[in-house]
């Protein structure tokens, strides 16, 4: 999944997502032929972790 798509799913701006992974708050994307891509499973795992954290 591309950066803008991932950011849209997370409900944040794509630049925020870039800052998060550069600060170590989010998993870095993979570079596939010069295109930065996130794994769908990483996005879902992050969303699940956020829901779990807010329930505690």
PDB file of N, CA and C in Angstrom:
ATOM      1  N   UNK A   1       0.857  -1.167   0.000  1.00  0.00           N
ATOM      2  CA  UNK A   1       0.000   0.000   0.000  1.00  0.00           C
ATOM      3  C   UNK A   1       0.909   1.238   0.000  1.00  0.00           C
ATOM      4  N   UNK A   2       0.571   2.188  -0.817  1.00  0.00           N
ATOM      5  CA  UNK A   2       1.364   3.417  -0.892  1.00  0.00           C
ATOM      6  C   UNK A   2       1.113   4.309   0.329  1.00  0.00           C
ATOM      7  N   UNK A   3       1.989   5.281   0.490  1.00  0.00           N
ATOM      8  CA  UNK A   3       1.967   6.141   1.672  1.00  0.00           C
ATOM      9  C   UNK A   3       0.638   6.884   1.814  1.00  0.00           C
ATOM     10  N   UNK A   4       0.167   7.495   0.749  1.00  0.00           N
ATOM     11  CA  UNK A   4      -1.075   8.276   0.843  1.00  0.00           C
ATOM     12  C   UNK A   4      -2.269   7.385   1.162  1.00  0.00           C
ATOM     13  N   UNK A   5      -2.297   6.185   0.622  1.00  0.00           N
ATOM     14  CA  UNK A   5      -3.387   5.251   0.928  1.00  0.00           C
ATOM     15  C   UNK A   5      -3.340   4.848   2.393  1.00  0.00           C
ATOM     16  N   UNK A   6      -2.154   4.535   2.881  1.00  0.00           N
ATOM     17  CA  UNK A   6      -2.006   4.134   4.281  1.00  0.00           C
ATOM     18  C   UNK A   6      -2.414   5.267   5.211  1.00  0.00           C
ATOM     19  N   UNK A   7      -1.983   6.471   4.894  1.00  0.00           N
ATOM     20  CA  UNK A   7      -2.331   7.628   5.716  1.00  0.00           C
ATOM     21  C   UNK A   7      -3.838   7.853   5.737  1.00  0.00           C
ATOM     22  N   UNK A   8      -4.486   7.680   4.597  1.00  0.00           N
ATOM     23  CA  UNK A   8      -5.937   7.864   4.527  1.00  0.00           C
ATOM     24  C   UNK A   8      -6.653   6.843   5.417  1.00  0.00           C
ATOM     25  N   UNK A   9      -6.191   5.606   5.398  1.00  0.00           N
ATOM     26  CA  UNK A   9      -6.804   4.576   6.238  1.00  0.00           C
ATOM     27  C   UNK A   9      -6.624   4.910   7.713  1.00  0.00           C
ATOM     28  N   UNK A  10      -5.461   5.455   8.054  1.00  0.00           N
ATOM     29  CA  UNK A  10      -5.179   5.808   9.443  1.00  0.00           C
ATOM     30  C   UNK A  10      -5.830   7.128   9.854  1.00  0.00           C
ATOM     31  N   UNK A  11      -6.312   7.878   8.873  1.00  0.00           N
ATOM     32  CA  UNK A  11      -6.975   9.151   9.171  1.00  0.00           C
ATOM     33  C   UNK A  11      -5.998  10.272   9.484  1.00  0.00           C
ATOM     34  N   UNK A  12      -4.803  10.208   8.880  1.00  0.00           N
ATOM     35  CA  UNK A  12      -3.784  11.231   9.101  1.00  0.00           C
ATOM     36  C   UNK A  12      -3.256  11.717   7.754  1.00  0.00           C
ATOM     37  N   UNK A  13      -2.522  12.803   7.780  1.00  0.00           N
ATOM     38  CA  UNK A  13      -1.894  13.325   6.564  1.00  0.00           C
ATOM     39  C   UNK A  13      -0.674  12.466   6.247  1.00  0.00           C
ATOM     40  N   UNK A  14      -0.355  12.342   4.970  1.00  0.00           N
ATOM     41  CA  UNK A  14       0.775  11.497   4.579  1.00  0.00           C
ATOM     42  C   UNK A  14       2.101  11.999   5.140  1.00  0.00           C
ATOM     43  N   UNK A  15       2.235  13.302   5.335  1.00  0.00           N
ATOM     44  CA  UNK A  15       3.469  13.824   5.928  1.00  0.00           C
ATOM     45  C   UNK A  15       3.589  13.428   7.399  1.00  0.00           C
ATOM     46  N   UNK A  16       2.459  13.327   8.070  1.00  0.00           N
ATOM     47  CA  UNK A  16       2.472  12.854   9.458  1.00  0.00           C
ATOM     48  C   UNK A  16       2.972  11.425   9.517  1.00  0.00           C
ATOM     49  N   UNK A  17       2.518  10.606   8.594  1.00  0.00           N
ATOM     50  CA  UNK A  17       2.969   9.223   8.543  1.00  0.00           C
ATOM     51  C   UNK A  17       4.470   9.164   8.286  1.00  0.00           C
ATOM     52  N   UNK A  18       4.980   9.996   7.411  1.00  0.00           N
ATOM     53  CA  UNK A  18       6.426  10.053   7.162  1.00  0.00           C
ATOM     54  C   UNK A  18       7.193  10.428   8.435  1.00  0.00           C
ATOM     55  N   UNK A  19       6.684  11.425   9.149  1.00  0.00           N
ATOM     56  CA  UNK A  19       7.341  11.835  10.393  1.00  0.00           C
ATOM     57  C   UNK A  19       7.325  10.710  11.407  1.00  0.00           C
ATOM     58  N   UNK A  20       6.195   9.982  11.487  1.00  0.00           N
ATOM     59  CA  UNK A  20       6.086   8.880  12.446  1.00  0.00           C
ATOM     60  C   UNK A  20       7.133   7.816  12.184  1.00  0.00           C
ATOM     61  N   UNK A  21       7.318   7.393  10.908  1.00  0.00           N
ATOM     62  CA  UNK A  21       8.268   6.310  10.693  1.00  0.00           C
ATOM     63  C   UNK A  21       9.703   6.809  10.844  1.00  0.00           C
ATOM     64  N   UNK A  22       9.943   8.071  10.540  1.00  0.00           N
ATOM     65  CA  UNK A  22      11.299   8.611  10.731  1.00  0.00           C
ATOM     66  C   UNK A  22      11.623   8.753  12.219  1.00  0.00           C
ATOM     67  N   UNK A  23      10.587   8.956  13.040  1.00  0.00           N
ATOM     68  CA  UNK A  23      10.780   9.072  14.490  1.00  0.00           C
ATOM     69  C   UNK A  23      10.704   7.715  15.188  1.00  0.00           C
ATOM     70  N   UNK A  24      10.455   6.653  14.433  1.00  0.00           N
ATOM     71  CA  UNK A  24      10.380   5.324  15.018  1.00  0.00           C
ATOM     72  C   UNK A  24       9.037   4.993  15.648  1.00  0.00           C
ATOM     73  N   UNK A  25       8.009   5.795  15.356  1.00  0.00           N
ATOM     74  CA  UNK A  25       6.674   5.558  15.914  1.00  0.00           C
ATOM     75  C   UNK A  25       5.828   4.648  15.036  1.00  0.00           C
ATOM     76  N   UNK A  26       6.339   4.346  13.849  1.00  0.00           N
ATOM     77  CA  UNK A  26       5.599   3.521  12.902  1.00  0.00           C
ATOM     78  C   UNK A  26       6.598   2.714  12.098  1.00  0.00           C
ATOM     79  N   UNK A  27       6.186   1.572  11.598  1.00  0.00           N
ATOM     80  CA  UNK A  27       7.062   0.702  10.835  1.00  0.00           C
ATOM     81  C   UNK A  27       7.445   1.373   9.519  1.00  0.00           C
ATOM     82  N   UNK A  28       8.725   1.271   9.169  1.00  0.00           N
ATOM     83  CA  UNK A  28       9.198   1.869   7.923  1.00  0.00           C
ATOM     84  C   UNK A  28       8.658   1.090   6.735  1.00  0.00           C
ATOM     85  N   UNK A  29       8.351   1.797   5.647  1.00  0.00           N
ATOM     86  CA  UNK A  29       7.873   1.113   4.445  1.00  0.00           C
ATOM     87  C   UNK A  29       9.024   0.402   3.735  1.00  0.00           C
ATOM     88  N   UNK A  30       8.677  -0.545   2.899  1.00  0.00           N
ATOM     89  CA  UNK A  30       9.652  -1.233   2.064  1.00  0.00           C
ATOM     90  C   UNK A  30       9.824  -0.454   0.767  1.00  0.00           C
ATOM     91  N   UNK A  31      11.020  -0.486   0.219  1.00  0.00           N
ATOM     92  CA  UNK A  31      11.297   0.172  -1.044  1.00  0.00           C
ATOM     93  C   UNK A  31      11.251  -0.887  -2.142  1.00  0.00           C
ATOM     94  N   UNK A  32      10.227  -0.822  -2.982  1.00  0.00           N
ATOM     95  CA  UNK A  32      10.059  -1.772  -4.075  1.00  0.00           C
ATOM     96  C   UNK A  32      10.195  -1.007  -5.385  1.00  0.00           C
ATOM     97  N   UNK A  33      11.311  -1.206  -6.054  1.00  0.00           N
ATOM     98  CA  UNK A  33      11.593  -0.510  -7.318  1.00  0.00           C
ATOM     99  C   UNK A  33      11.426   1.004  -7.198  1.00  0.00           C
ATOM    100  N   UNK A  34      11.882   1.568  -6.083  1.00  0.00           N
ATOM    101  CA  UNK A  34      11.815   3.011  -5.886  1.00  0.00           C
ATOM    102  C   UNK A  34      10.498   3.525  -5.346  1.00  0.00           C
ATOM    103  N   UNK A  35       9.555   2.630  -5.070  1.00  0.00           N
ATOM    104  CA  UNK A  35       8.251   3.020  -4.530  1.00  0.00           C
ATOM    105  C   UNK A  35       8.176   2.543  -3.086  1.00  0.00           C
ATOM    106  N   UNK A  36       7.863   3.463  -2.179  1.00  0.00           N
ATOM    107  CA  UNK A  36       7.736   3.096  -0.771  1.00  0.00           C
ATOM    108  C   UNK A  36       6.361   2.498  -0.527  1.00  0.00           C
ATOM    109  N   UNK A  37       6.348   1.280   0.013  1.00  0.00           N
ATOM    110  CA  UNK A  37       5.100   0.556   0.230  1.00  0.00           C
ATOM    111  C   UNK A  37       5.028  -0.001   1.645  1.00  0.00           C
ATOM    112  N   UNK A  38       3.844   0.083   2.227  1.00  0.00           N
ATOM    113  CA  UNK A  38       3.570  -0.535   3.519  1.00  0.00           C
ATOM    114  C   UNK A  38       2.849  -1.851   3.304  1.00  0.00           C
ATOM    115  N   UNK A  39       3.092  -2.797   4.185  1.00  0.00           N
ATOM    116  CA  UNK A  39       2.348  -4.055   4.146  1.00  0.00           C
ATOM    117  C   UNK A  39       0.982  -3.804   4.780  1.00  0.00           C
ATOM    118  N   UNK A  40      -0.051  -4.373   4.192  1.00  0.00           N
ATOM    119  CA  UNK A  40      -1.395  -4.245   4.759  1.00  0.00           C
ATOM    120  C   UNK A  40      -1.427  -4.771   6.180  1.00  0.00           C
ATOM    121  N   UNK A  41      -0.718  -5.868   6.429  1.00  0.00           N
ATOM    122  CA  UNK A  41      -0.706  -6.462   7.767  1.00  0.00           C
ATOM    123  C   UNK A  41      -0.093  -5.512   8.795  1.00  0.00           C
ATOM    124  N   UNK A  42       0.909  -4.711   8.397  1.00  0.00           N
ATOM    125  CA  UNK A  42       1.510  -3.741   9.310  1.00  0.00           C
ATOM    126  C   UNK A  42       0.521  -2.637   9.664  1.00  0.00           C
ATOM    127  N   UNK A  43      -0.240  -2.189   8.673  1.00  0.00           N
ATOM    128  CA  UNK A  43      -1.248  -1.150   8.920  1.00  0.00           C
ATOM    129  C   UNK A  43      -2.312  -1.675   9.882  1.00  0.00           C
ATOM    130  N   UNK A  44      -2.809  -2.885   9.617  1.00  0.00           N
ATOM    131  CA  UNK A  44      -3.840  -3.472  10.479  1.00  0.00           C
ATOM    132  C   UNK A  44      -3.323  -3.721  11.885  1.00  0.00           C
ATOM    133  N   UNK A  45      -2.087  -4.171  12.012  1.00  0.00           N
ATOM    134  CA  UNK A  45      -1.500  -4.416  13.330  1.00  0.00           C
ATOM    135  C   UNK A  45      -1.389  -3.107  14.112  1.00  0.00           C
ATOM    136  N   UNK A  46      -1.018  -2.025  13.425  1.00  0.00           N
ATOM    137  CA  UNK A  46      -0.925  -0.729  14.085  1.00  0.00           C
ATOM    138  C   UNK A  46      -2.298  -0.271  14.568  1.00  0.00           C
ATOM    139  N   UNK A  47      -3.310  -0.420  13.726  1.00  0.00           N
ATOM    140  CA  UNK A  47      -4.667  -0.031  14.108  1.00  0.00           C
ATOM    141  C   UNK A  47      -5.128  -0.848  15.318  1.00  0.00           C
ATOM    142  N   UNK A  48      -4.878  -2.154  15.293  1.00  0.00           N
ATOM    143  CA  UNK A  48      -5.250  -3.007  16.430  1.00  0.00           C
ATOM    144  C   UNK A  48      -4.526  -2.591  17.698  1.00  0.00           C
ATOM    145  N   UNK A  49      -3.253  -2.245  17.584  1.00  0.00           N
ATOM    146  CA  UNK A  49      -2.494  -1.843  18.773  1.00  0.00           C
ATOM    147  C   UNK A  49      -3.030  -0.534  19.343  1.00  0.00           C
ATOM    148  N   UNK A  50      -3.487   0.365  18.498  1.00  0.00           N
ATOM    149  CA  UNK A  50      -4.036   1.622  18.963  1.00  0.00           C
ATOM    150  C   UNK A  50      -5.357   1.410  19.697  1.00  0.00           C
ATOM    151  N   UNK A  51      -6.180   0.486  19.204  1.00  0.00           N
ATOM    152  CA  UNK A  51      -7.440   0.182  19.870  1.00  0.00           C
ATOM    153  C   UNK A  51      -7.176  -0.496  21.196  1.00  0.00           C
ATOM    154  N   UNK A  52      -6.208  -1.374  21.244  1.00  0.00           N
ATOM    155  CA  UNK A  52      -5.858  -2.072  22.483  1.00  0.00           C
ATOM    156  C   UNK A  52      -5.338  -1.090  23.512  1.00  0.00           C
ATOM    157  N   UNK A  53      -4.485  -0.160  23.100  1.00  0.00           N
ATOM    158  CA  UNK A  53      -3.931   0.842  24.017  1.00  0.00           C
ATOM    159  C   UNK A  53      -5.012   1.741  24.592  1.00  0.00           C
ATOM    160  N   UNK A  54      -5.998   2.099  23.785  1.00  0.00           N
ATOM    161  CA  UNK A  54      -7.046   3.001  24.265  1.00  0.00           C
ATOM    162  C   UNK A  54      -8.038   2.306  25.189  1.00  0.00           C
ATOM    163  N   UNK A  55      -8.111   0.979  25.124  1.00  0.00           N
ATOM    164  CA  UNK A  55      -9.030   0.236  25.986  1.00  0.00           C
ATOM    165  C   UNK A  55      -8.469   0.018  27.376  1.00  0.00           C
ATOM    166  N   UNK A  56      -7.149   0.146  27.524  1.00  0.00           N
ATOM    167  CA  UNK A  56      -6.502  -0.130  28.810  1.00  0.00           C
ATOM    168  C   UNK A  56      -6.613   1.045  29.730  1.00  0.00           C
TER     169      UNK A  56
END
